[in-house]
Amino acid sequence: MARAQKDTRPIADQNTSEAACTYAALILYEDNQEINAAKLAQIIKAANLRVEPIWTKVFEKALKGKKVGDLLHGNSGSAPAAQVATTAAPVAQQTKAPEAAKEVKKAEEPEEDVDMGGLFD
């Protein structure tokens, strides 16, 4: 029997591992496949990369039961957090109104001519 060759590729650093898992998850999402550690590892191996197995497991757990499309489009926020943000916005606007008037006055000041050394002559 032939023995399987040992993988001698260096293990990718943290940033590369995270990026590889992210792209692999996006590939699986676009292909309407389940995102799991085995499939992530298969895609990463096909890309000629080697990552610690923990990364594929972390991504599997993080994305399990989530709608990746909602995460991509920003629809993953929870309702209570959104409600707090909309209630807090009018209060913040009331307290910043005098500051906003000062900023408008500053913005209306004329611009100074700056010598560009004949660049646009």
Protein backbone atom coordinates (compact mmCIF):
# COMPACT_ATOMS: atom_id res chain seq x y z
CA MET A 1 0.00 0.00 0.00
CA ALA A 2 1.17 3.49 -0.78
CA ARG A 3 1.35 5.92 2.08
CA ALA A 4 -0.20 9.33 1.79
CA GLN A 5 2.35 12.07 1.37
CA LYS A 6 2.79 14.45 4.25
CA ASP A 7 1.62 17.97 3.50
CA THR A 8 4.79 20.07 3.60
CA ARG A 9 3.21 23.40 2.75
CA PRO A 10 3.65 26.01 5.49
CA ILE A 11 0.59 26.84 7.54
CA ALA A 12 -0.83 30.23 6.61
CA ASP A 13 -0.74 33.08 9.12
CA GLN A 14 -3.88 34.25 10.91
CA ASN A 15 -4.89 36.92 8.38
CA THR A 16 -4.43 34.62 5.42
CA SER A 17 -6.31 31.81 7.19
CA GLU A 18 -9.25 34.07 7.97
CA ALA A 19 -9.35 35.40 4.42
CA ALA A 20 -9.15 31.89 2.96
CA CYS A 21 -12.04 30.70 5.12
CA THR A 22 -14.07 33.80 4.26
CA TYR A 23 -13.61 33.34 0.54
CA ALA A 24 -14.30 29.60 0.79
CA ALA A 25 -17.54 30.36 2.69
CA LEU A 26 -18.54 32.85 0.00
CA ILE A 27 -17.88 30.27 -2.71
CA LEU A 28 -20.08 27.74 -0.91
CA TYR A 29 -22.79 30.35 -0.37
CA GLU A 30 -22.79 31.34 -4.04
CA ASP A 31 -23.02 27.67 -4.99
CA ASN A 32 -25.99 27.20 -2.58
CA GLN A 33 -24.12 24.57 -0.58
CA GLU A 34 -24.02 23.97 3.14
CA ILE A 35 -21.09 25.70 4.82
CA ASN A 36 -19.21 23.17 6.95
CA ALA A 37 -15.61 22.60 8.00
CA ALA A 38 -14.99 19.75 5.56
CA LYS A 39 -16.14 21.73 2.52
CA LEU A 40 -14.23 24.83 3.64
CA ALA A 41 -11.07 22.72 4.03
CA GLN A 42 -11.59 21.16 0.61
CA ILE A 43 -11.82 24.55 -1.11
CA ILE A 44 -8.84 25.91 0.80
CA LYS A 45 -6.77 22.86 -0.16
CA ALA A 46 -7.79 23.32 -3.81
CA ALA A 47 -6.47 26.88 -3.54
CA ASN A 48 -3.10 25.40 -2.54
CA LEU A 49 -3.28 26.83 0.96
CA ARG A 50 -2.91 25.18 4.34
CA VAL A 51 -4.67 26.54 7.42
CA GLU A 52 -5.03 25.28 10.95
CA PRO A 53 -8.13 23.05 11.17
CA ILE A 54 -9.50 25.25 13.96
CA TRP A 55 -10.21 28.03 11.43
CA THR A 56 -12.60 25.95 9.35
CA LYS A 57 -14.37 24.79 12.52
CA VAL A 58 -14.68 28.37 13.80
CA PHE A 59 -16.20 29.52 10.52
CA GLU A 60 -18.58 26.56 10.46
CA LYS A 61 -19.81 27.40 13.97
CA ALA A 62 -20.03 31.12 13.27
CA LEU A 63 -22.09 30.66 10.11
CA LYS A 64 -24.24 27.72 11.24
CA GLY A 65 -27.90 28.69 11.06
CA LYS A 66 -27.09 32.14 9.68
CA LYS A 67 -28.26 33.46 6.35
CA VAL A 68 -25.02 34.50 4.69
CA GLY A 69 -26.93 36.69 2.24
CA ASP A 70 -28.33 38.71 5.13
CA LEU A 71 -24.84 39.10 6.58
CA LEU A 72 -23.58 40.35 3.23
CA HIS A 73 -26.41 42.82 2.77
CA GLY A 74 -26.35 44.14 6.33
CA ASN A 75 -29.72 42.72 7.36
CA SER A 76 -28.30 40.80 10.31
CA GLY A 77 -28.92 43.47 12.96
CA SER A 78 -31.25 42.61 15.78
CA ALA A 79 -34.54 44.44 16.15
CA PRO A 80 -33.93 45.76 19.70
CA ALA A 81 -30.63 47.35 18.69
CA ALA A 82 -32.27 49.00 15.68
CA GLN A 83 -35.09 50.30 17.88
CA VAL A 84 -32.63 51.82 20.36
CA ALA A 85 -30.77 53.50 17.51
CA THR A 86 -33.91 55.09 16.10
CA THR A 87 -35.06 56.30 19.52
CA ALA A 88 -31.68 57.72 20.42
CA ALA A 89 -31.26 59.58 17.12
CA PRO A 90 -33.77 62.41 17.79
CA VAL A 91 -32.27 63.03 21.24
CA ALA A 92 -28.79 63.24 19.74
CA GLN A 93 -30.01 65.64 17.06
CA GLN A 94 -31.59 67.94 19.66
CA THR A 95 -28.38 68.18 21.67
CA LYS A 96 -26.16 68.78 18.62
CA ALA A 97 -28.29 71.45 16.94
CA PRO A 98 -26.26 74.44 18.26
CA GLU A 99 -23.01 72.72 17.30
CA ALA A 100 -24.32 72.08 13.79
CA ALA A 101 -25.08 75.78 13.32
CA LYS A 102 -21.48 76.64 14.25
CA GLU A 103 -20.19 74.08 11.76
CA VAL A 104 -22.28 75.61 8.96
CA LYS A 105 -20.84 79.03 9.68
CA LYS A 106 -17.31 77.62 9.54
CA ALA A 107 -18.03 75.94 6.22
CA GLU A 108 -19.14 79.21 4.62
CA GLU A 109 -15.76 80.89 5.11
CA PRO A 110 -14.09 81.71 1.77
CA GLU A 111 -11.31 79.45 0.62
CA GLU A 112 -7.81 80.80 0.39
CA ASP A 113 -5.91 80.76 -2.87
CA VAL A 114 -3.01 78.38 -2.59
CA ASP A 115 -0.02 78.66 -4.91
CA MET A 116 0.38 75.27 -6.63
CA GLY A 117 3.71 76.21 -8.18
CA GLY A 118 2.31 76.68 -11.67
CA LEU A 119 0.85 73.17 -11.76
CA PHE A 120 -2.45 74.29 -13.27
CA ASP A 121 -1.32 77.38 -15.20
